[in-house]
Structure formats: C-alpha cells, structure tokens
Amino acid sequence: MSAPRQIIMLRHGQSAANVDQSIYNRVPDYRIPLTPLGIAQAKEAGAKVREKLAGNKVCVYVSPYLRAYETLEALELGDLIDRVIEEPRLREQDWANFQVASEIADQKVLRDAYGHFFYRFREGESGSDVYDRISSFMETLYRHWSKPSYAPNTLLVTHGLTMRLFCMRWFHWSVEYFESLNNPDNADVHTLIRQGNKYLLDVPFNQWQPTPQTQTVLQASRVIW
C-alpha cells in the first residue's frame, strides 16, 4: 500500500445554521451555505493547507453538503488538487429532515444524559452509526492508496463530529475518550502525519474533561439505578 504522507482533515467554515439554527426548519441540511465569515475562515484555512502540501498534489474527499463544497472552493488549492471525490460517508450526522428547533433541543438534552456516541436522534443517526460508515470509508481509502498513481496527500473536507469519529476509528480510541472530546471549531485543520508505518495526530482535539484514550466504561462513573 502506498500510504499518503499525510491525511489532512478540515471542518467546514461557519455555516448559516451555526448563526441561526431556525434555518433547519426551512432549508435541507445539505443545502445550508457558508456565511461570509465562513468563507473567510476557509480562505485562511486554505493558506494552512497549501503550506502543508508544500507544492505536492492532494486527493480530496468532500462531503456532499453545500457548506463543505463551498469550503473546498474557498481553499483555492488550484492545480494542487489531483482529484476531487464526493464522499457521502463523510457527511454530517443525520439529525432529522426539516428540524423543529424545540424538538432537537429536547433531544440534545437527552443525548447529553445518554451519551453522544450511542444516542440516536429520532429521525437520524447515532454517533455509532457515523462510526460505522467511517469504517466503510476507510476500506475505500485503503483501496485507493494501493494504486501507484495515488497523490502523496489526502484531504478530507467534512464536519466536526465526523472528524472526531474518523480519528476514533483510526487510533482505536475508546468510547469514553470520544465522549470527552469537543468538536473542532469551524475551519479547524487537524492532520494525521505519517512517521514510518504509523500516523500521529499533529493537534489533539480539546477535551471538556480529562479522560485517558484507553479508558473504558469499566472506569466510568457508575449510574445510580
């Protein structure tokens, strides 16, 4: 396998829904655009990505959501892009169709109590569902990397939760450790850098509570029942 030199992950810039969640009531999630600030954030991230690429080609996998495509466009990578592949498995976690804000707010409270990894939204997915499709996507990556003509770099333009779950799957993090992680900010860049036969994450995700990567439910606080 001709593994890439680095796997760059990028969360989309600020979207209209990051500013006003009522937009979910009338616009399909996958059609929600970036804000002007989001475009500026993506342009700034583009400078970081170009620096990481150092003039080398990159194969891009992009979520089919409008905000991801607009982020990719604003990166202005030009002829550094070897190929762009739309990858539905990199989409945002499905929460609902047209979302009713009050219902989603109630479910978020339940999710916080139940756990972000296993809680499934009534018309959508759980974190574990996203984990499963990320696992399937990784199998595709391995097949692509086996081709001699594959670019020396990989770029994933995706969503915050998806980035965390990609790393969880890649590094075999425990569910308890995943639960301790915050989402990256809009247009944040995290990179898996190859060192020998292994990859290291250059910038760790922030934690809202200290939890070791190997902690399991055995070491978690017991639920009183």
C-alpha atoms as a PDB file:
ATOM      1  CA  MET A   1       0.000   0.000   0.000  1.00  0.00           C
ATOM      2  CA  SER A   2       1.288   3.463  -0.940  1.00  0.00           C
ATOM      3  CA  ALA A   3       0.037   5.346   2.124  1.00  0.00           C
ATOM      4  CA  PRO A   4      -0.072   9.131   1.805  1.00  0.00           C
ATOM      5  CA  ARG A   5       2.418  11.359   3.549  1.00  0.00           C
ATOM      6  CA  GLN A   6      -0.405  12.991   5.477  1.00  0.00           C
ATOM      7  CA  ILE A   7      -4.174  12.891   5.905  1.00  0.00           C
ATOM      8  CA  ILE A   8      -5.439  16.438   6.342  1.00  0.00           C
ATOM      9  CA  MET A   9      -8.890  16.861   7.899  1.00  0.00           C
ATOM     10  CA  LEU A  10     -10.787  20.126   7.678  1.00  0.00           C
ATOM     11  CA  ARG A  11     -14.110  21.122   9.185  1.00  0.00           C
ATOM     12  CA  HIS A  12     -16.235  23.420   7.016  1.00  0.00           C
ATOM     13  CA  GLY A  13     -16.326  27.156   7.761  1.00  0.00           C
ATOM     14  CA  GLN A  14     -19.120  28.842   9.661  1.00  0.00           C
ATOM     15  CA  SER A  15     -22.496  27.985   8.124  1.00  0.00           C
ATOM     16  CA  ALA A  16     -25.766  29.898   8.187  1.00  0.00           C
ATOM     17  CA  ALA A  17     -27.075  27.305  10.682  1.00  0.00           C
ATOM     18  CA  ASN A  18     -24.153  27.982  13.031  1.00  0.00           C
ATOM     19  CA  VAL A  19     -25.552  31.503  13.307  1.00  0.00           C
ATOM     20  CA  ASP A  20     -29.312  30.814  13.148  1.00  0.00           C
ATOM     21  CA  GLN A  21     -30.481  27.274  13.828  1.00  0.00           C
ATOM     22  CA  SER A  22     -34.034  28.100  12.735  1.00  0.00           C
ATOM     23  CA  ILE A  23     -32.809  27.707   9.155  1.00  0.00           C
ATOM     24  CA  TYR A  24     -33.050  23.941   9.690  1.00  0.00           C
ATOM     25  CA  ASN A  25     -36.848  24.374   9.665  1.00  0.00           C
ATOM     26  CA  ARG A  26     -36.953  25.504   6.046  1.00  0.00           C
ATOM     27  CA  VAL A  27     -33.698  24.542   4.306  1.00  0.00           C
ATOM     28  CA  PRO A  28     -32.447  20.954   3.915  1.00  0.00           C
ATOM     29  CA  ASP A  29     -29.297  20.474   5.997  1.00  0.00           C
ATOM     30  CA  TYR A  30     -27.205  19.535   2.978  1.00  0.00           C
ATOM     31  CA  ARG A  31     -28.129  22.799   1.192  1.00  0.00           C
ATOM     32  CA  ILE A  32     -27.186  25.193   4.013  1.00  0.00           C
ATOM     33  CA  PRO A  33     -24.435  27.570   2.791  1.00  0.00           C
ATOM     34  CA  LEU A  34     -21.471  29.241   4.426  1.00  0.00           C
ATOM     35  CA  THR A  35     -21.708  32.728   5.833  1.00  0.00           C
ATOM     36  CA  PRO A  36     -19.302  35.447   4.624  1.00  0.00           C
ATOM     37  CA  LEU A  37     -17.305  34.781   7.800  1.00  0.00           C
ATOM     38  CA  GLY A  38     -17.293  31.077   6.948  1.00  0.00           C
ATOM     39  CA  ILE A  39     -15.823  31.804   3.520  1.00  0.00           C
ATOM     40  CA  ALA A  40     -13.144  33.992   5.119  1.00  0.00           C
ATOM     41  CA  GLN A  41     -12.354  31.219   7.605  1.00  0.00           C
ATOM     42  CA  ALA A  42     -11.998  28.719   4.765  1.00  0.00           C
ATOM     43  CA  LYS A  43      -9.673  31.048   2.855  1.00  0.00           C
ATOM     44  CA  GLU A  44      -7.492  31.346   5.935  1.00  0.00           C
ATOM     45  CA  ALA A  45      -7.502  27.557   6.319  1.00  0.00           C
ATOM     46  CA  GLY A  46      -6.516  27.286   2.654  1.00  0.00           C
ATOM     47  CA  ALA A  47      -3.238  29.055   3.390  1.00  0.00           C
ATOM     48  CA  LYS A  48      -2.506  26.482   6.112  1.00  0.00           C
ATOM     49  CA  VAL A  49      -3.371  23.569   3.828  1.00  0.00           C
ATOM     50  CA  ARG A  50      -1.211  24.907   0.981  1.00  0.00           C
ATOM     51  CA  GLU A  51       1.686  25.255   3.411  1.00  0.00           C
ATOM     52  CA  LYS A  52       1.238  21.637   4.496  1.00  0.00           C
ATOM     53  CA  LEU A  53       1.126  20.442   0.886  1.00  0.00           C
ATOM     54  CA  ALA A  54       4.353  22.289   0.035  1.00  0.00           C
ATOM     55  CA  GLY A  55       3.606  22.170  -3.672  1.00  0.00           C
ATOM     56  CA  ASN A  56       2.648  18.477  -3.734  1.00  0.00           C
ATOM     57  CA  LYS A  57      -0.586  17.042  -5.121  1.00  0.00           C
ATOM     58  CA  VAL A  58      -3.549  16.055  -2.966  1.00  0.00           C
ATOM     59  CA  CYS A  59      -6.539  13.772  -3.458  1.00  0.00           C
ATOM     60  CA  VAL A  60      -9.636  15.416  -1.974  1.00  0.00           C
ATOM     61  CA  TYR A  61     -12.666  13.680  -0.467  1.00  0.00           C
ATOM     62  CA  VAL A  62     -15.516  16.102   0.188  1.00  0.00           C
ATOM     63  CA  SER A  63     -18.831  15.763   1.991  1.00  0.00           C
ATOM     64  CA  PRO A  64     -21.755  16.296  -0.427  1.00  0.00           C
ATOM     65  CA  TYR A  65     -23.079  19.145   1.750  1.00  0.00           C
ATOM     66  CA  LEU A  66     -23.026  22.643   0.245  1.00  0.00           C
ATOM     67  CA  ARG A  67     -21.025  24.088   3.131  1.00  0.00           C
ATOM     68  CA  ALA A  68     -18.293  21.516   2.561  1.00  0.00           C
ATOM     69  CA  TYR A  69     -18.120  22.205  -1.180  1.00  0.00           C
ATOM     70  CA  GLU A  70     -18.034  25.964  -0.568  1.00  0.00           C
ATOM     71  CA  THR A  71     -15.233  25.427   1.944  1.00  0.00           C
ATOM     72  CA  LEU A  72     -13.247  23.415  -0.593  1.00  0.00           C
ATOM     73  CA  GLU A  73     -13.775  26.114  -3.221  1.00  0.00           C
ATOM     74  CA  ALA A  74     -12.587  28.837  -0.812  1.00  0.00           C
ATOM     75  CA  LEU A  75      -9.379  26.912  -0.040  1.00  0.00           C
ATOM     76  CA  GLU A  76      -8.141  27.901  -3.508  1.00  0.00           C
ATOM     77  CA  LEU A  77      -5.904  24.853  -3.916  1.00  0.00           C
ATOM     78  CA  GLY A  78      -5.902  25.163  -7.711  1.00  0.00           C
ATOM     79  CA  ASP A  79      -3.685  22.739  -9.579  1.00  0.00           C
ATOM     80  CA  LEU A  80      -2.517  21.113  -6.334  1.00  0.00           C
ATOM     81  CA  ILE A  81      -5.720  19.066  -6.490  1.00  0.00           C
ATOM     82  CA  ASP A  82      -5.160  15.748  -8.223  1.00  0.00           C
ATOM     83  CA  ARG A  83      -8.778  14.618  -7.915  1.00  0.00           C
ATOM     84  CA  VAL A  84     -11.970  15.558  -6.063  1.00  0.00           C
ATOM     85  CA  ILE A  85     -14.205  12.702  -4.918  1.00  0.00           C
ATOM     86  CA  GLU A  86     -17.653  13.396  -3.459  1.00  0.00           C
ATOM     87  CA  GLU A  87     -17.948  11.070  -0.483  1.00  0.00           C
ATOM     88  CA  PRO A  88     -21.411  10.795   1.146  1.00  0.00           C
ATOM     89  CA  ARG A  89     -19.971   8.791   4.047  1.00  0.00           C
ATOM     90  CA  LEU A  90     -18.185  11.984   5.161  1.00  0.00           C
ATOM     91  CA  ARG A  91     -21.489  13.833   5.608  1.00  0.00           C
ATOM     92  CA  GLU A  92     -22.729  15.372   8.840  1.00  0.00           C
ATOM     93  CA  GLN A  93     -24.511  13.197  11.391  1.00  0.00           C
ATOM     94  CA  ASP A  94     -28.148  12.911  10.327  1.00  0.00           C
ATOM     95  CA  TRP A  95     -30.336  14.545  12.970  1.00  0.00           C
ATOM     96  CA  ALA A  96     -33.677  14.852  11.195  1.00  0.00           C
ATOM     97  CA  ASN A  97     -35.137  16.045   7.916  1.00  0.00           C
ATOM     98  CA  PHE A  98     -36.559  19.535   8.373  1.00  0.00           C
ATOM     99  CA  GLN A  99     -35.681  20.081  12.018  1.00  0.00           C
ATOM    100  CA  VAL A 100     -38.031  21.544  14.614  1.00  0.00           C
ATOM    101  CA  ALA A 101     -35.760  23.523  16.900  1.00  0.00           C
ATOM    102  CA  SER A 102     -37.633  22.760  20.126  1.00  0.00           C
ATOM    103  CA  GLU A 103     -37.661  19.007  19.424  1.00  0.00           C
ATOM    104  CA  ILE A 104     -33.950  18.956  18.584  1.00  0.00           C
ATOM    105  CA  ALA A 105     -33.201  20.951  21.747  1.00  0.00           C
ATOM    106  CA  ASP A 106     -35.083  18.368  23.826  1.00  0.00           C
ATOM    107  CA  GLN A 107     -33.193  15.541  22.137  1.00  0.00           C
ATOM    108  CA  LYS A 108     -29.846  17.257  22.740  1.00  0.00           C
ATOM    109  CA  VAL A 109     -30.620  17.249  26.458  1.00  0.00           C
ATOM    110  CA  LEU A 110     -31.362  13.524  26.247  1.00  0.00           C
ATOM    111  CA  ARG A 111     -28.177  12.956  24.219  1.00  0.00           C
ATOM    112  CA  ASP A 112     -26.087  14.730  26.852  1.00  0.00           C
ATOM    113  CA  ALA A 113     -27.558  12.470  29.517  1.00  0.00           C
ATOM    114  CA  TYR A 114     -27.387   9.269  27.463  1.00  0.00           C
ATOM    115  CA  GLY A 115     -24.046   9.790  25.671  1.00  0.00           C
ATOM    116  CA  HIS A 116     -23.172  11.310  22.298  1.00  0.00           C
ATOM    117  CA  PHE A 117     -21.806   8.094  20.805  1.00  0.00           C
ATOM    118  CA  PHE A 118     -24.828   5.858  21.334  1.00  0.00           C
ATOM    119  CA  TYR A 119     -27.779   8.274  21.390  1.00  0.00           C
ATOM    120  CA  ARG A 120     -29.759   8.067  18.139  1.00  0.00           C
ATOM    121  CA  PHE A 121     -31.825  11.040  17.017  1.00  0.00           C
ATOM    122  CA  ARG A 122     -35.422  10.055  16.309  1.00  0.00           C
ATOM    123  CA  GLU A 123     -35.214  10.687  12.569  1.00  0.00           C
ATOM    124  CA  GLY A 124     -31.467  10.371  12.255  1.00  0.00           C
ATOM    125  CA  GLU A 125     -28.279   8.682  13.359  1.00  0.00           C
ATOM    126  CA  SER A 126     -26.259   7.997  16.448  1.00  0.00           C
ATOM    127  CA  GLY A 127     -22.536   8.673  16.667  1.00  0.00           C
ATOM    128  CA  SER A 128     -22.018   4.921  16.401  1.00  0.00           C
ATOM    129  CA  ASP A 129     -23.869   4.925  13.059  1.00  0.00           C
ATOM    130  CA  VAL A 130     -21.456   7.551  11.752  1.00  0.00           C
ATOM    131  CA  TYR A 131     -18.561   5.466  13.115  1.00  0.00           C
ATOM    132  CA  ASP A 132     -19.775   2.501  11.065  1.00  0.00           C
ATOM    133  CA  ARG A 133     -19.904   4.437   7.806  1.00  0.00           C
ATOM    134  CA  ILE A 134     -16.466   5.918   8.532  1.00  0.00           C
ATOM    135  CA  SER A 135     -15.175   2.359   8.913  1.00  0.00           C
ATOM    136  CA  SER A 136     -16.571   1.554   5.481  1.00  0.00           C
ATOM    137  CA  PHE A 137     -14.989   4.704   4.036  1.00  0.00           C
ATOM    138  CA  MET A 138     -11.586   3.664   5.384  1.00  0.00           C
ATOM    139  CA  GLU A 139     -11.781   0.448   3.389  1.00  0.00           C
ATOM    140  CA  THR A 140     -12.238   2.581   0.276  1.00  0.00           C
ATOM    141  CA  LEU A 141      -9.249   4.708   1.249  1.00  0.00           C
ATOM    142  CA  TYR A 142      -7.033   1.639   1.527  1.00  0.00           C
ATOM    143  CA  ARG A 143      -8.082   0.527  -1.948  1.00  0.00           C
ATOM    144  CA  HIS A 144      -7.336   3.951  -3.384  1.00  0.00           C
ATOM    145  CA  TRP A 145      -3.962   4.097  -1.657  1.00  0.00           C
ATOM    146  CA  SER A 146      -2.969   0.799  -3.268  1.00  0.00           C
ATOM    147  CA  LYS A 147      -2.898   2.492  -6.687  1.00  0.00           C
ATOM    148  CA  PRO A 148       0.638   3.546  -7.728  1.00  0.00           C
ATOM    149  CA  SER A 149      -0.649   6.813  -9.180  1.00  0.00           C
ATOM    150  CA  TYR A 150      -2.280   7.985  -5.928  1.00  0.00           C
ATOM    151  CA  ALA A 151      -1.341  11.515  -4.837  1.00  0.00           C
ATOM    152  CA  PRO A 152       1.110  11.876  -1.908  1.00  0.00           C
ATOM    153  CA  ASN A 153      -1.501  13.621   0.266  1.00  0.00           C
ATOM    154  CA  THR A 154      -5.142  13.095   1.276  1.00  0.00           C
ATOM    155  CA  LEU A 155      -7.583  15.864   2.246  1.00  0.00           C
ATOM    156  CA  LEU A 156     -10.972  15.286   3.899  1.00  0.00           C
ATOM    157  CA  VAL A 157     -13.347  18.275   3.812  1.00  0.00           C
ATOM    158  CA  THR A 158     -16.014  17.287   6.258  1.00  0.00           C
ATOM    159  CA  HIS A 159     -17.749  18.011   9.594  1.00  0.00           C
ATOM    160  CA  GLY A 160     -16.677  18.237  13.224  1.00  0.00           C
ATOM    161  CA  LEU A 161     -18.222  15.053  14.595  1.00  0.00           C
ATOM    162  CA  THR A 162     -17.105  13.122  11.525  1.00  0.00           C
ATOM    163  CA  MET A 163     -13.517  14.258  12.063  1.00  0.00           C
ATOM    164  CA  ARG A 164     -13.559  13.081  15.677  1.00  0.00           C
ATOM    165  CA  LEU A 165     -15.033   9.719  14.718  1.00  0.00           C
ATOM    166  CA  PHE A 166     -12.517   9.271  11.893  1.00  0.00           C
ATOM    167  CA  CYS A 167      -9.728   9.665  14.443  1.00  0.00           C
ATOM    168  CA  MET A 168     -11.535   7.447  16.941  1.00  0.00           C
ATOM    169  CA  ARG A 169     -11.693   4.677  14.352  1.00  0.00           C
ATOM    170  CA  TRP A 170      -8.145   5.244  13.110  1.00  0.00           C
ATOM    171  CA  PHE A 171      -6.448   5.357  16.509  1.00  0.00           C
ATOM    172  CA  HIS A 172      -8.816   2.887  18.230  1.00  0.00           C
ATOM    173  CA  TRP A 173      -9.869   5.397  20.854  1.00  0.00           C
ATOM    174  CA  SER A 174     -12.361   4.188  23.442  1.00  0.00           C
ATOM    175  CA  VAL A 175     -15.964   5.393  23.571  1.00  0.00           C
ATOM    176  CA  GLU A 176     -15.271   7.063  26.930  1.00  0.00           C
ATOM    177  CA  TYR A 177     -12.385   9.053  25.439  1.00  0.00           C
ATOM    178  CA  PHE A 178     -14.529  10.089  22.465  1.00  0.00           C
ATOM    179  CA  GLU A 179     -17.192  11.352  24.871  1.00  0.00           C
ATOM    180  CA  SER A 180     -14.615  13.674  26.452  1.00  0.00           C
ATOM    181  CA  LEU A 181     -13.752  15.478  23.196  1.00  0.00           C
ATOM    182  CA  ASN A 182     -15.065  18.799  21.952  1.00  0.00           C
ATOM    183  CA  ASN A 183     -15.828  19.426  18.298  1.00  0.00           C
ATOM    184  CA  PRO A 184     -13.167  21.331  16.355  1.00  0.00           C
ATOM    185  CA  ASP A 185     -14.012  24.931  15.547  1.00  0.00           C
ATOM    186  CA  ASN A 186     -15.198  25.962  12.097  1.00  0.00           C
ATOM    187  CA  ALA A 187     -12.403  25.651   9.506  1.00  0.00           C
ATOM    188  CA  ASP A 188     -10.059  23.956  12.006  1.00  0.00           C
ATOM    189  CA  VAL A 189      -7.362  21.789  10.454  1.00  0.00           C
ATOM    190  CA  HIS A 190      -6.135  18.540  12.053  1.00  0.00           C
ATOM    191  CA  THR A 191      -3.577  16.357  10.300  1.00  0.00           C
ATOM    192  CA  LEU A 192      -2.511  12.734  10.581  1.00  0.00           C
ATOM    193  CA  ILE A 193       1.198  12.744   9.706  1.00  0.00           C
ATOM    194  CA  ARG A 194       2.908   9.532   8.663  1.00  0.00           C
ATOM    195  CA  GLN A 195       6.002   8.584  10.628  1.00  0.00           C
ATOM    196  CA  GLY A 196       7.293   5.245   9.450  1.00  0.00           C
ATOM    197  CA  ASN A 197       4.383   2.807   9.452  1.00  0.00           C
ATOM    198  CA  LYS A 198       2.268   4.876  11.844  1.00  0.00           C
ATOM    199  CA  TYR A 199       0.384   8.157  11.811  1.00  0.00           C
ATOM    200  CA  LEU A 200       0.432  10.771  14.547  1.00  0.00           C
ATOM    201  CA  LEU A 201      -2.208  13.463  15.085  1.00  0.00           C
ATOM    202  CA  ASP A 202      -0.498  16.844  14.967  1.00  0.00           C
ATOM    203  CA  VAL A 203      -3.058  18.796  17.020  1.00  0.00           C
ATOM    204  CA  PRO A 204      -5.189  16.933  19.585  1.00  0.00           C
ATOM    205  CA  PHE A 205      -8.869  17.705  19.992  1.00  0.00           C
ATOM    206  CA  ASN A 206      -9.744  19.759  23.039  1.00  0.00           C
ATOM    207  CA  GLN A 207     -11.319  17.872  25.922  1.00  0.00           C
ATOM    208  CA  TRP A 208     -14.121  19.146  28.124  1.00  0.00           C
ATOM    209  CA  GLN A 209     -12.997  16.725  30.822  1.00  0.00           C
ATOM    210  CA  PRO A 210      -9.680  14.861  31.243  1.00  0.00           C
ATOM    211  CA  THR A 211     -10.043  11.241  30.127  1.00  0.00           C
ATOM    212  CA  PRO A 212      -7.297   8.816  29.024  1.00  0.00           C
ATOM    213  CA  GLN A 213      -7.571   7.438  25.469  1.00  0.00           C
ATOM    214  CA  THR A 214      -7.800   3.894  26.810  1.00  0.00           C
ATOM    215  CA  GLN A 215     -10.441   4.491  29.495  1.00  0.00           C
ATOM    216  CA  THR A 216     -13.447   2.206  29.120  1.00  0.00           C
ATOM    217  CA  VAL A 217     -16.899   2.070  30.660  1.00  0.00           C
ATOM    218  CA  LEU A 218     -15.381  -0.058  33.442  1.00  0.00           C
ATOM    219  CA  GLN A 219     -13.609   3.034  34.781  1.00  0.00           C
ATOM    220  CA  ALA A 220     -16.554   5.401  34.198  1.00  0.00           C
ATOM    221  CA  SER A 221     -18.766   6.771  36.946  1.00  0.00           C
ATOM    222  CA  ARG A 222     -21.477   4.289  37.872  1.00  0.00           C
ATOM    223  CA  VAL A 223     -25.070   5.165  37.064  1.00  0.00           C
ATOM    224  CA  ILE A 224     -27.395   5.003  40.061  1.00  0.00           C
ATOM    225  CA  TRP A 225     -30.498   2.942  39.260  1.00  0.00           C
END
